Structure formats: C-alpha cells, structure tokens
Amino acid sequence: MNLRLFSLFKEKRMFIFLAFVTEDDRLKFERLFEKYQKLLLHKAYGILRDYALAEDAVSEAYIRIYRNLNKIDDIDSHRTVSFLVIIVKNSSLTILEKQKKYSLPEDGLEDESDGYDMEETVLSAALTCDMLKLVDNLKEELRAPFLLKYAHDLPHREIASLLHISENNVTVRIHRAKSKLVELFREAGYVYGK
C-alpha cells in the first residue's frame, strides 16, 4: 500500500470508522479499500497526471463511497467496479476543475475567440445522455466490459482481471455489446441503413 495515500486517508478513515453502525459495514468498507485502491489511484492519475492530486481524489472518492455504502451489495460485482470508478472519476474531475479555476488569467476573462461553441456542447451532451440510456439497456455481462473499455479507458487485460474472465472473453463481449448497440441505435433513429 502506498504510504502517502494511506497516511492521507488514515486520518479521514479514523473519523469515518467512528461512524460505522455495524461491524459488517466497517469490514465491507475495508475490503473495498484494499481491493480497489490501486485501480482507483490508476484511474485518478490518468485524469489528473499528478500523483499527489490523484491520492487526494482517491481519498475523496472513499469518503463518497462511505456515504453510499448502502448502495453496494456485492463487492466483487461488475456494477460495483463501475460505481467506484465513476466516483473516483468525478472526484478527479472536480479537482481538475478547481485547478483550472485557479489558473485563469488575472482578469478572470477567457478569450472570446477560443473556438468554444455552446450550442454544439449542449447538443453533444444531450446526445451522450441519450446514448448512455441505450447502453443501460445492455445485459450486465455486456455492459460492464463495454463501459470499462470505453467510459473508463481500461485495457482488456485489466478488464479481464476485474471481471474474472479471459481477455478473449472481454473482446467477445465488447464486440457483442457494440453489435447490440448498433441495433439499439437503429431502433432509436440514430443510425440509418443496414
């Protein structure tokens, strides 16, 4: 275990442990921490590109995980892995946003000619939301590897390890997920033709 991450988190964890209602919750939280700490640190570092900030993001993520502990039934499930990765991704993006906020020009105004197109951004966000709803229609065995690959940018080897399946099986499931999504996109009117 990385000592800095542990020491950063240890102070917060000691406070959190005082709030556990049951021993089962405390053990569940400890298992989540031990099992997924490296994965979450890897994901946070991939976003922040700064080890200290990544450690902070993971610490914040585990506080959020603690607050949502009741939403986690099976520690080893694909849904849990996705849930935890989404939490650390959001924690990392929050830290990244704060970093950007503090690095604005002194007058606080951004260049009007930066090429930012609000209409395109809103349409893209709406389309992404619709697409994610379609992804939710996939069976769990297809959705989990698909999201880990495309939403969380994990390599097939790591997905195989997390889901306890072979790399070949990861490839097959992602291919099936893509085929099913093309079907769903057609039905929803996003894809035309054969």
N, C-alpha and C. Protein backbone atom coordinates (compact mmCIF):
# COMPACT_ATOMS: atom_id res chain seq x y z
N MET A 1 0.85 -1.18 0.00
CA MET A 1 0.00 0.00 0.00
C MET A 1 0.89 1.23 0.00
N ASN A 2 0.54 2.21 -0.77
CA ASN A 2 1.32 3.44 -0.83
C ASN A 2 1.19 4.19 0.49
N LEU A 3 2.32 4.52 1.09
CA LEU A 3 2.28 5.11 2.43
C LEU A 3 1.62 6.48 2.45
N ARG A 4 1.89 7.31 1.43
CA ARG A 4 1.29 8.64 1.43
C ARG A 4 -0.23 8.55 1.30
N LEU A 5 -0.69 7.69 0.40
CA LEU A 5 -2.14 7.52 0.26
C LEU A 5 -2.74 7.03 1.57
N PHE A 6 -2.06 6.08 2.19
CA PHE A 6 -2.58 5.56 3.44
C PHE A 6 -2.60 6.63 4.52
N SER A 7 -1.53 7.41 4.62
CA SER A 7 -1.50 8.43 5.66
C SER A 7 -2.49 9.56 5.38
N LEU A 8 -2.64 9.91 4.11
CA LEU A 8 -3.65 10.91 3.78
C LEU A 8 -5.04 10.42 4.17
N PHE A 9 -5.25 9.16 3.87
CA PHE A 9 -6.57 8.60 4.08
C PHE A 9 -6.77 8.16 5.52
N LYS A 10 -5.70 7.80 6.18
CA LYS A 10 -5.81 7.25 7.54
C LYS A 10 -6.53 8.21 8.47
N GLU A 11 -6.19 9.49 8.39
CA GLU A 11 -6.85 10.46 9.27
C GLU A 11 -8.35 10.50 8.99
N LYS A 12 -8.71 10.52 7.74
CA LYS A 12 -10.13 10.57 7.38
C LYS A 12 -10.81 9.26 7.74
N ARG A 13 -10.10 8.14 7.53
CA ARG A 13 -10.69 6.84 7.79
C ARG A 13 -10.94 6.66 9.27
N MET A 14 -10.05 7.15 10.10
CA MET A 14 -10.27 7.02 11.55
C MET A 14 -11.55 7.73 11.95
N PHE A 15 -11.79 8.87 11.39
CA PHE A 15 -13.03 9.60 11.65
C PHE A 15 -14.22 8.81 11.13
N ILE A 16 -14.10 8.28 9.93
CA ILE A 16 -15.20 7.54 9.32
C ILE A 16 -15.50 6.27 10.10
N PHE A 17 -14.47 5.57 10.56
CA PHE A 17 -14.71 4.33 11.30
C PHE A 17 -15.54 4.57 12.54
N LEU A 18 -15.44 5.71 13.13
CA LEU A 18 -16.24 6.01 14.30
C LEU A 18 -17.73 6.06 13.97
N ALA A 19 -18.04 6.33 12.72
CA ALA A 19 -19.43 6.48 12.32
C ALA A 19 -20.08 5.20 11.82
N PHE A 20 -19.31 4.10 11.68
CA PHE A 20 -19.92 2.86 11.21
C PHE A 20 -20.92 2.35 12.22
N VAL A 21 -22.07 1.97 11.72
CA VAL A 21 -23.12 1.47 12.59
C VAL A 21 -22.88 0.01 12.93
N THR A 22 -22.46 -0.77 11.92
CA THR A 22 -22.25 -2.20 12.15
C THR A 22 -20.83 -2.61 11.78
N GLU A 23 -20.42 -3.70 12.34
CA GLU A 23 -19.10 -4.28 12.03
C GLU A 23 -19.06 -4.73 10.57
N ASP A 24 -20.18 -5.22 10.04
CA ASP A 24 -20.25 -5.64 8.64
C ASP A 24 -19.95 -4.48 7.70
N ASP A 25 -20.50 -3.31 8.00
CA ASP A 25 -20.23 -2.14 7.17
C ASP A 25 -18.75 -1.76 7.21
N ARG A 26 -18.16 -1.82 8.39
CA ARG A 26 -16.75 -1.50 8.52
C ARG A 26 -15.89 -2.47 7.70
N LEU A 27 -16.22 -3.77 7.78
CA LEU A 27 -15.47 -4.78 7.04
C LEU A 27 -15.67 -4.63 5.53
N LYS A 28 -16.90 -4.30 5.13
CA LYS A 28 -17.18 -4.08 3.71
C LYS A 28 -16.35 -2.92 3.19
N PHE A 29 -16.31 -1.85 3.95
CA PHE A 29 -15.54 -0.67 3.55
C PHE A 29 -14.05 -0.99 3.45
N GLU A 30 -13.53 -1.72 4.43
CA GLU A 30 -12.11 -2.10 4.40
C GLU A 30 -11.80 -2.96 3.18
N ARG A 31 -12.68 -3.91 2.87
CA ARG A 31 -12.47 -4.76 1.69
C ARG A 31 -12.50 -3.95 0.41
N LEU A 32 -13.43 -3.00 0.32
CA LEU A 32 -13.48 -2.13 -0.86
C LEU A 32 -12.19 -1.33 -1.00
N PHE A 33 -11.70 -0.83 0.12
CA PHE A 33 -10.47 -0.05 0.10
C PHE A 33 -9.30 -0.91 -0.36
N GLU A 34 -9.13 -2.06 0.25
CA GLU A 34 -7.99 -2.92 -0.09
C GLU A 34 -8.07 -3.44 -1.52
N LYS A 35 -9.25 -3.81 -1.97
CA LYS A 35 -9.39 -4.42 -3.29
C LYS A 35 -9.25 -3.42 -4.43
N TYR A 36 -9.78 -2.22 -4.27
CA TYR A 36 -9.87 -1.30 -5.41
C TYR A 36 -8.99 -0.06 -5.31
N GLN A 37 -8.22 0.09 -4.26
CA GLN A 37 -7.41 1.29 -4.08
C GLN A 37 -6.47 1.52 -5.26
N LYS A 38 -5.76 0.49 -5.72
CA LYS A 38 -4.80 0.65 -6.82
C LYS A 38 -5.51 1.02 -8.12
N LEU A 39 -6.63 0.38 -8.40
CA LEU A 39 -7.39 0.69 -9.61
C LEU A 39 -7.85 2.14 -9.59
N LEU A 40 -8.38 2.58 -8.47
CA LEU A 40 -8.89 3.95 -8.36
C LEU A 40 -7.75 4.96 -8.45
N LEU A 41 -6.62 4.63 -7.87
CA LEU A 41 -5.45 5.52 -7.96
C LEU A 41 -4.98 5.62 -9.41
N HIS A 42 -4.98 4.49 -10.11
CA HIS A 42 -4.60 4.47 -11.53
C HIS A 42 -5.54 5.34 -12.35
N LYS A 43 -6.82 5.20 -12.10
CA LYS A 43 -7.82 5.99 -12.85
C LYS A 43 -7.67 7.48 -12.54
N ALA A 44 -7.50 7.82 -11.28
CA ALA A 44 -7.36 9.23 -10.89
C ALA A 44 -6.09 9.83 -11.51
N TYR A 45 -5.00 9.07 -11.48
CA TYR A 45 -3.75 9.57 -12.06
C TYR A 45 -3.90 9.77 -13.57
N GLY A 46 -4.64 8.89 -14.22
CA GLY A 46 -4.88 9.03 -15.66
C GLY A 46 -5.59 10.32 -16.01
N ILE A 47 -6.40 10.82 -15.12
CA ILE A 47 -7.12 12.08 -15.35
C ILE A 47 -6.29 13.28 -14.92
N LEU A 48 -5.67 13.19 -13.76
CA LEU A 48 -5.01 14.35 -13.17
C LEU A 48 -3.54 14.50 -13.55
N ARG A 49 -2.89 13.39 -13.88
CA ARG A 49 -1.46 13.40 -14.24
C ARG A 49 -0.59 14.01 -13.14
N ASP A 50 -1.02 13.85 -11.92
CA ASP A 50 -0.27 14.33 -10.75
C ASP A 50 -0.56 13.35 -9.63
N TYR A 51 0.49 12.71 -9.13
CA TYR A 51 0.30 11.65 -8.15
C TYR A 51 -0.34 12.15 -6.85
N ALA A 52 0.12 13.29 -6.36
CA ALA A 52 -0.44 13.83 -5.11
C ALA A 52 -1.93 14.16 -5.27
N LEU A 53 -2.28 14.77 -6.40
CA LEU A 53 -3.69 15.08 -6.64
C LEU A 53 -4.51 13.80 -6.81
N ALA A 54 -3.92 12.79 -7.44
CA ALA A 54 -4.61 11.51 -7.61
C ALA A 54 -4.90 10.88 -6.25
N GLU A 55 -3.94 10.97 -5.34
CA GLU A 55 -4.16 10.45 -3.99
C GLU A 55 -5.29 11.20 -3.29
N ASP A 56 -5.32 12.52 -3.47
CA ASP A 56 -6.40 13.31 -2.89
C ASP A 56 -7.75 12.89 -3.47
N ALA A 57 -7.78 12.66 -4.77
CA ALA A 57 -9.02 12.25 -5.44
C ALA A 57 -9.50 10.90 -4.90
N VAL A 58 -8.58 9.98 -4.69
CA VAL A 58 -8.95 8.66 -4.16
C VAL A 58 -9.46 8.80 -2.73
N SER A 59 -8.81 9.62 -1.94
CA SER A 59 -9.28 9.84 -0.57
C SER A 59 -10.70 10.40 -0.57
N GLU A 60 -10.93 11.40 -1.40
CA GLU A 60 -12.27 11.99 -1.52
C GLU A 60 -13.27 10.95 -2.02
N ALA A 61 -12.84 10.13 -2.97
CA ALA A 61 -13.72 9.08 -3.51
C ALA A 61 -14.14 8.11 -2.42
N TYR A 62 -13.20 7.73 -1.56
CA TYR A 62 -13.56 6.78 -0.50
C TYR A 62 -14.49 7.40 0.54
N ILE A 63 -14.43 8.68 0.72
CA ILE A 63 -15.41 9.33 1.60
C ILE A 63 -16.79 9.26 0.95
N ARG A 64 -16.84 9.49 -0.35
CA ARG A 64 -18.12 9.38 -1.07
C ARG A 64 -18.62 7.94 -1.08
N ILE A 65 -17.70 7.00 -1.23
CA ILE A 65 -18.07 5.58 -1.21
C ILE A 65 -18.67 5.24 0.15
N TYR A 66 -18.04 5.74 1.21
CA TYR A 66 -18.56 5.52 2.56
C TYR A 66 -20.00 6.01 2.67
N ARG A 67 -20.24 7.21 2.13
CA ARG A 67 -21.59 7.78 2.22
C ARG A 67 -22.62 6.98 1.42
N ASN A 68 -22.14 6.23 0.43
CA ASN A 68 -23.04 5.45 -0.43
C ASN A 68 -22.86 3.95 -0.23
N LEU A 69 -22.32 3.56 0.89
CA LEU A 69 -22.02 2.16 1.16
C LEU A 69 -23.25 1.27 1.05
N ASN A 70 -24.40 1.80 1.40
CA ASN A 70 -25.64 1.01 1.33
C ASN A 70 -26.04 0.65 -0.10
N LYS A 71 -25.46 1.34 -1.09
CA LYS A 71 -25.78 1.05 -2.50
C LYS A 71 -24.94 -0.10 -3.04
N ILE A 72 -23.99 -0.58 -2.25
CA ILE A 72 -23.09 -1.65 -2.70
C ILE A 72 -23.49 -2.95 -2.01
N ASP A 73 -23.95 -3.90 -2.83
CA ASP A 73 -24.34 -5.20 -2.27
C ASP A 73 -23.21 -6.21 -2.39
N ASP A 74 -22.72 -6.38 -3.60
CA ASP A 74 -21.69 -7.38 -3.87
C ASP A 74 -20.38 -6.66 -4.22
N ILE A 75 -19.39 -6.78 -3.37
CA ILE A 75 -18.12 -6.09 -3.56
C ILE A 75 -17.43 -6.51 -4.86
N ASP A 76 -17.63 -7.74 -5.29
CA ASP A 76 -16.94 -8.26 -6.45
C ASP A 76 -17.70 -8.09 -7.78
N SER A 77 -18.85 -7.47 -7.75
CA SER A 77 -19.66 -7.38 -8.97
C SER A 77 -19.14 -6.32 -9.93
N HIS A 78 -19.50 -6.48 -11.19
CA HIS A 78 -19.13 -5.52 -12.24
C HIS A 78 -19.75 -4.16 -11.95
N ARG A 79 -20.95 -4.19 -11.42
CA ARG A 79 -21.66 -2.95 -11.11
C ARG A 79 -20.90 -2.15 -10.04
N THR A 80 -20.37 -2.84 -9.06
CA THR A 80 -19.60 -2.18 -8.00
C THR A 80 -18.34 -1.54 -8.58
N VAL A 81 -17.64 -2.27 -9.43
CA VAL A 81 -16.42 -1.72 -10.05
C VAL A 81 -16.76 -0.45 -10.82
N SER A 82 -17.81 -0.51 -11.63
CA SER A 82 -18.22 0.67 -12.41
C SER A 82 -18.59 1.83 -11.49
N PHE A 83 -19.33 1.52 -10.44
CA PHE A 83 -19.77 2.54 -9.47
C PHE A 83 -18.56 3.24 -8.85
N LEU A 84 -17.57 2.46 -8.41
CA LEU A 84 -16.39 3.02 -7.77
C LEU A 84 -15.56 3.85 -8.75
N VAL A 85 -15.43 3.36 -9.97
CA VAL A 85 -14.65 4.09 -10.97
C VAL A 85 -15.33 5.41 -11.31
N ILE A 86 -16.64 5.40 -11.39
CA ILE A 86 -17.37 6.64 -11.67
C ILE A 86 -17.17 7.64 -10.53
N ILE A 87 -17.20 7.16 -9.30
CA ILE A 87 -16.99 8.05 -8.16
C ILE A 87 -15.61 8.68 -8.20
N VAL A 88 -14.56 7.87 -8.43
CA VAL A 88 -13.20 8.44 -8.46
C VAL A 88 -13.01 9.33 -9.67
N LYS A 89 -13.67 9.01 -10.76
CA LYS A 89 -13.58 9.87 -11.95
C LYS A 89 -14.19 11.24 -11.63
N ASN A 90 -15.34 11.24 -10.99
CA ASN A 90 -15.98 12.51 -10.63
C ASN A 90 -15.15 13.30 -9.62
N SER A 91 -14.56 12.61 -8.65
CA SER A 91 -13.67 13.28 -7.69
C SER A 91 -12.48 13.90 -8.40
N SER A 92 -11.91 13.17 -9.34
CA SER A 92 -10.76 13.66 -10.09
C SER A 92 -11.14 14.86 -10.95
N LEU A 93 -12.28 14.78 -11.60
CA LEU A 93 -12.72 15.89 -12.45
C LEU A 93 -13.02 17.14 -11.62
N THR A 94 -13.54 16.95 -10.41
CA THR A 94 -13.79 18.09 -9.51
C THR A 94 -12.47 18.76 -9.15
N ILE A 95 -11.46 17.97 -8.83
CA ILE A 95 -10.14 18.52 -8.51
C ILE A 95 -9.55 19.21 -9.73
N LEU A 96 -9.68 18.59 -10.89
CA LEU A 96 -9.16 19.18 -12.13
C LEU A 96 -9.84 20.51 -12.43
N GLU A 97 -11.14 20.57 -12.20
CA GLU A 97 -11.89 21.81 -12.43
C GLU A 97 -11.40 22.91 -11.48
N LYS A 98 -11.14 22.55 -10.24
CA LYS A 98 -10.63 23.54 -9.28
C LYS A 98 -9.25 24.03 -9.71
N GLN A 99 -8.43 23.11 -10.22
CA GLN A 99 -7.10 23.50 -10.70
C GLN A 99 -7.21 24.49 -11.86
N LYS A 100 -8.12 24.22 -12.79
CA LYS A 100 -8.32 25.12 -13.93
C LYS A 100 -8.84 26.47 -13.48
N LYS A 101 -9.73 26.46 -12.50
CA LYS A 101 -10.33 27.70 -11.99
C LYS A 101 -9.25 28.64 -11.45
N TYR A 102 -8.29 28.05 -10.75
CA TYR A 102 -7.23 28.87 -10.16
C TYR A 102 -6.17 29.28 -11.17
N SER A 103 -6.19 28.70 -12.37
CA SER A 103 -5.17 29.05 -13.35
C SER A 103 -5.74 29.94 -14.47
N LEU A 104 -6.88 30.59 -14.22
CA LEU A 104 -7.45 31.54 -15.19
C LEU A 104 -6.58 32.79 -15.27
N PRO A 105 -6.65 33.52 -16.36
CA PRO A 105 -5.91 34.78 -16.46
C PRO A 105 -6.31 35.72 -15.32
N GLU A 106 -5.44 36.68 -15.03
CA GLU A 106 -5.67 37.57 -13.89
C GLU A 106 -6.98 38.33 -13.95
N ASP A 107 -7.40 38.72 -15.15
CA ASP A 107 -8.66 39.46 -15.25
C ASP A 107 -9.88 38.55 -15.15
N GLY A 108 -9.64 37.22 -15.16
CA GLY A 108 -10.73 36.27 -14.98
C GLY A 108 -11.56 36.05 -16.23
N LEU A 109 -11.20 36.70 -17.33
CA LEU A 109 -11.96 36.56 -18.56
C LEU A 109 -11.22 35.64 -19.52
N GLU A 110 -11.95 34.80 -20.19
CA GLU A 110 -11.34 33.93 -21.18
C GLU A 110 -11.45 34.59 -22.55
N ASP A 111 -10.56 34.21 -23.43
CA ASP A 111 -10.53 34.75 -24.78
C ASP A 111 -11.81 34.36 -25.52
N GLU A 112 -12.48 35.33 -26.08
CA GLU A 112 -13.72 35.09 -26.81
C GLU A 112 -13.50 34.26 -28.07
N SER A 113 -12.29 34.29 -28.60
CA SER A 113 -12.01 33.58 -29.84
C SER A 113 -11.42 32.19 -29.59
N ASP A 114 -11.80 31.56 -28.48
CA ASP A 114 -11.22 30.26 -28.15
C ASP A 114 -11.88 29.12 -28.91
N GLY A 115 -12.87 29.39 -29.74
CA GLY A 115 -13.49 28.36 -30.55
C GLY A 115 -14.56 27.56 -29.80
N TYR A 116 -14.91 27.96 -28.63
CA TYR A 116 -15.91 27.25 -27.84
C TYR A 116 -17.30 27.49 -28.41
N ASP A 117 -18.03 26.43 -28.67
CA ASP A 117 -19.36 26.51 -29.26
C ASP A 117 -20.38 25.93 -28.28
N MET A 118 -21.11 26.81 -27.58
CA MET A 118 -22.06 26.39 -26.55
C MET A 118 -23.15 25.48 -27.14
N GLU A 119 -23.67 25.82 -28.30
CA GLU A 119 -24.74 25.02 -28.91
C GLU A 119 -24.26 23.60 -29.19
N GLU A 120 -23.06 23.48 -29.74
CA GLU A 120 -22.50 22.16 -30.03
C GLU A 120 -22.30 21.37 -28.74
N THR A 121 -21.86 22.02 -27.70
CA THR A 121 -21.63 21.36 -26.41
C THR A 121 -22.94 20.83 -25.84
N VAL A 122 -23.99 21.63 -25.88
CA VAL A 122 -25.29 21.22 -25.34
C VAL A 122 -25.85 20.06 -26.15
N LEU A 123 -25.78 20.14 -27.48
CA LEU A 123 -26.28 19.05 -28.32
C LEU A 123 -25.49 17.78 -28.08
N SER A 124 -24.18 17.92 -27.95
CA SER A 124 -23.33 16.76 -27.70
C SER A 124 -23.68 16.12 -26.36
N ALA A 125 -23.91 16.93 -25.34
CA ALA A 125 -24.27 16.41 -24.01
C ALA A 125 -25.62 15.69 -24.06
N ALA A 126 -26.57 16.26 -24.78
CA ALA A 126 -27.90 15.63 -24.91
C ALA A 126 -27.79 14.29 -25.63
N LEU A 127 -27.00 14.25 -26.70
CA LEU A 127 -26.80 13.03 -27.45
C LEU A 127 -26.11 11.98 -26.58
N THR A 128 -25.11 12.39 -25.83
CA THR A 128 -24.40 11.48 -24.94
C THR A 128 -25.35 10.90 -23.90
N CYS A 129 -26.21 11.73 -23.35
CA CYS A 129 -27.19 11.26 -22.37
C CYS A 129 -28.12 10.21 -22.98
N ASP A 130 -28.60 10.47 -24.19
CA ASP A 130 -29.46 9.51 -24.88
C ASP A 130 -28.72 8.20 -25.15
N MET A 131 -27.46 8.32 -25.57
CA MET A 131 -26.66 7.13 -25.87
C MET A 131 -26.44 6.30 -24.60
N LEU A 132 -26.19 6.97 -23.48
CA LEU A 132 -25.96 6.24 -22.22
C LEU A 132 -27.22 5.49 -21.79
N LYS A 133 -28.38 6.07 -22.07
CA LYS A 133 -29.63 5.37 -21.76
C LYS A 133 -29.73 4.08 -22.56
N LEU A 134 -29.27 4.13 -23.83
CA LEU A 134 -29.29 2.93 -24.66
C LEU A 134 -28.28 1.90 -24.15
N VAL A 135 -27.13 2.37 -23.70
CA VAL A 135 -26.12 1.46 -23.14
C VAL A 135 -26.69 0.76 -21.91
N ASP A 136 -27.50 1.46 -21.13
CA ASP A 136 -28.12 0.85 -19.93
C ASP A 136 -29.02 -0.32 -20.28
N ASN A 137 -29.48 -0.40 -21.55
CA ASN A 137 -30.34 -1.50 -21.98
C ASN A 137 -29.58 -2.79 -22.25
N LEU A 138 -28.26 -2.71 -22.27
CA LEU A 138 -27.45 -3.92 -22.49
C LEU A 138 -27.53 -4.82 -21.26
N LYS A 139 -27.37 -6.13 -21.49
CA LYS A 139 -27.25 -7.06 -20.36
C LYS A 139 -26.00 -6.70 -19.59
N GLU A 140 -26.02 -6.95 -18.29
CA GLU A 140 -24.88 -6.62 -17.42
C GLU A 140 -23.57 -7.21 -17.93
N GLU A 141 -23.61 -8.46 -18.42
CA GLU A 141 -22.37 -9.12 -18.88
C GLU A 141 -21.76 -8.43 -20.10
N LEU A 142 -22.57 -7.68 -20.85
CA LEU A 142 -22.05 -6.92 -21.99
C LEU A 142 -21.76 -5.47 -21.61
N ARG A 143 -22.63 -4.91 -20.76
CA ARG A 143 -22.49 -3.51 -20.38
C ARG A 143 -21.20 -3.25 -19.60
N ALA A 144 -20.89 -4.12 -18.64
CA ALA A 144 -19.73 -3.89 -17.77
C ALA A 144 -18.42 -3.81 -18.56
N PRO A 145 -18.10 -4.81 -19.42
CA PRO A 145 -16.83 -4.67 -20.16
C PRO A 145 -16.84 -3.50 -21.13
N PHE A 146 -18.00 -3.22 -21.73
CA PHE A 146 -18.11 -2.09 -22.66
C PHE A 146 -17.81 -0.77 -21.96
N LEU A 147 -18.42 -0.55 -20.80
CA LEU A 147 -18.20 0.69 -20.05
C LEU A 147 -16.78 0.78 -19.51
N LEU A 148 -16.25 -0.34 -19.04
CA LEU A 148 -14.87 -0.31 -18.53
C LEU A 148 -13.89 0.03 -19.66
N LYS A 149 -14.20 -0.43 -20.87
CA LYS A 149 -13.32 -0.16 -22.01
C LYS A 149 -13.49 1.28 -22.49
N TYR A 150 -14.71 1.71 -22.75
CA TYR A 150 -14.92 2.99 -23.42
C TYR A 150 -15.19 4.16 -22.48
N ALA A 151 -15.78 3.91 -21.34
CA ALA A 151 -16.03 5.02 -20.41
C ALA A 151 -14.86 5.22 -19.45
N HIS A 152 -14.17 4.11 -19.14
CA HIS A 152 -13.10 4.19 -18.15
C HIS A 152 -11.72 3.95 -18.75
N ASP A 153 -11.67 3.65 -20.06
CA ASP A 153 -10.42 3.54 -20.80
C ASP A 153 -9.45 2.51 -20.20
N LEU A 154 -9.99 1.38 -19.76
CA LEU A 154 -9.14 0.33 -19.21
C LEU A 154 -8.74 -0.65 -20.31
N PRO A 155 -7.52 -1.18 -20.24
CA PRO A 155 -7.09 -2.18 -21.23
C PRO A 155 -7.80 -3.51 -21.01
N HIS A 156 -7.86 -4.33 -22.05
CA HIS A 156 -8.56 -5.62 -21.97
C HIS A 156 -8.01 -6.48 -20.83
N ARG A 157 -6.70 -6.46 -20.63
CA ARG A 157 -6.07 -7.26 -19.58
C ARG A 157 -6.63 -6.90 -18.21
N GLU A 158 -6.76 -5.60 -17.95
CA GLU A 158 -7.27 -5.15 -16.66
C GLU A 158 -8.76 -5.45 -16.50
N ILE A 159 -9.51 -5.30 -17.59
CA ILE A 159 -10.94 -5.62 -17.55
C ILE A 159 -11.12 -7.10 -17.23
N ALA A 160 -10.31 -7.94 -17.89
CA ALA A 160 -10.38 -9.39 -17.65
C ALA A 160 -10.12 -9.70 -16.18
N SER A 161 -9.15 -9.05 -15.61
CA SER A 161 -8.81 -9.28 -14.20
C SER A 161 -9.95 -8.83 -13.29
N LEU A 162 -10.51 -7.66 -13.55
CA LEU A 162 -11.60 -7.14 -12.71
C LEU A 162 -12.86 -8.00 -12.80
N LEU A 163 -13.15 -8.50 -14.00
CA LEU A 163 -14.40 -9.25 -14.20
C LEU A 163 -14.20 -10.76 -14.03
N HIS A 164 -12.97 -11.17 -13.80
CA HIS A 164 -12.65 -12.59 -13.62
C HIS A 164 -13.04 -13.42 -14.84
N ILE A 165 -12.69 -12.91 -16.02
CA ILE A 165 -12.91 -13.61 -17.28
C ILE A 165 -11.63 -13.50 -18.10
N SER A 166 -11.54 -14.25 -19.19
CA SER A 166 -10.34 -14.21 -20.02
C SER A 166 -10.35 -12.95 -20.89
N GLU A 167 -9.16 -12.57 -21.37
CA GLU A 167 -9.06 -11.41 -22.26
C GLU A 167 -9.85 -11.66 -23.55
N ASN A 168 -9.82 -12.90 -24.02
CA ASN A 168 -10.58 -13.25 -25.22
C ASN A 168 -12.07 -13.04 -24.99
N ASN A 169 -12.53 -13.42 -23.81
CA ASN A 169 -13.94 -13.24 -23.46
C ASN A 169 -14.29 -11.75 -23.39
N VAL A 170 -13.35 -10.93 -22.90
CA VAL A 170 -13.57 -9.48 -22.87
C VAL A 170 -13.79 -8.97 -24.29
N THR A 171 -12.91 -9.39 -25.21
CA THR A 171 -13.01 -8.97 -26.61
C THR A 171 -14.35 -9.37 -27.21
N VAL A 172 -14.76 -10.62 -26.96
CA VAL A 172 -16.03 -11.12 -27.49
C VAL A 172 -17.20 -10.32 -26.93
N ARG A 173 -17.19 -10.07 -25.63
CA ARG A 173 -18.32 -9.35 -25.01
C ARG A 173 -18.39 -7.90 -25.50
N ILE A 174 -17.25 -7.27 -25.67
CA ILE A 174 -17.26 -5.89 -26.19
C ILE A 174 -17.78 -5.87 -27.62
N HIS A 175 -17.38 -6.85 -28.43
CA HIS A 175 -17.88 -6.94 -29.81
C HIS A 175 -19.40 -7.14 -29.81
N ARG A 176 -19.89 -8.03 -28.95
CA ARG A 176 -21.34 -8.26 -28.87
C ARG A 176 -22.07 -7.01 -28.38
N ALA A 177 -21.47 -6.30 -27.44
CA ALA A 177 -22.09 -5.06 -26.93
C ALA A 177 -22.20 -4.05 -28.06
N LYS A 178 -21.14 -3.91 -28.86
CA LYS A 178 -21.17 -2.97 -29.99
C LYS A 178 -22.26 -3.35 -30.99
N SER A 179 -22.35 -4.64 -31.31
CA SER A 179 -23.37 -5.10 -32.26
C SER A 179 -24.77 -4.80 -31.75
N LYS A 180 -25.00 -5.08 -30.47
CA LYS A 180 -26.31 -4.83 -29.87
C LYS A 180 -26.61 -3.33 -29.84
N LEU A 181 -25.59 -2.52 -29.56
CA LEU A 181 -25.79 -1.07 -29.53
C LEU A 181 -26.14 -0.52 -30.90
N VAL A 182 -25.52 -1.07 -31.95
CA VAL A 182 -25.87 -0.63 -33.31
C VAL A 182 -27.36 -0.90 -33.55
N GLU A 183 -27.82 -2.07 -33.11
CA GLU A 183 -29.25 -2.40 -33.21
C GLU A 183 -30.10 -1.38 -32.47
N LEU A 184 -29.72 -1.11 -31.22
CA LEU A 184 -30.48 -0.17 -30.39
C LEU A 184 -30.43 1.25 -30.97
N PHE A 185 -29.28 1.64 -31.50
CA PHE A 185 -29.15 2.97 -32.12
C PHE A 185 -30.06 3.08 -33.35
N ARG A 186 -30.12 2.00 -34.13
CA ARG A 186 -31.01 1.99 -35.30
C ARG A 186 -32.47 2.17 -34.87
N GLU A 187 -32.86 1.38 -33.87
CA GLU A 187 -34.24 1.44 -33.38
C GLU A 187 -34.58 2.83 -32.85
N ALA A 188 -33.58 3.50 -32.25
CA ALA A 188 -33.81 4.83 -31.71
C ALA A 188 -33.68 5.93 -32.76
N GLY A 189 -33.30 5.55 -33.99
CA GLY A 189 -33.20 6.52 -35.08
C GLY A 189 -31.87 7.24 -35.20
N TYR A 190 -30.84 6.74 -34.51
CA TYR A 190 -29.52 7.38 -34.60
C TYR A 190 -28.70 6.86 -35.75
N VAL A 191 -28.99 5.63 -36.21
CA VAL A 191 -28.23 5.01 -37.29
C VAL A 191 -29.20 4.64 -38.39
N TYR A 192 -28.84 4.98 -39.61
CA TYR A 192 -29.70 4.67 -40.75
C TYR A 192 -29.03 3.63 -41.62
N GLY A 193 -29.83 2.90 -42.37
CA GLY A 193 -29.28 1.89 -43.27
C GLY A 193 -29.13 0.57 -42.57
N LYS A 194 -28.36 -0.33 -43.24
CA LYS A 194 -28.19 -1.69 -42.71
C LYS A 194 -27.17 -1.74 -41.61
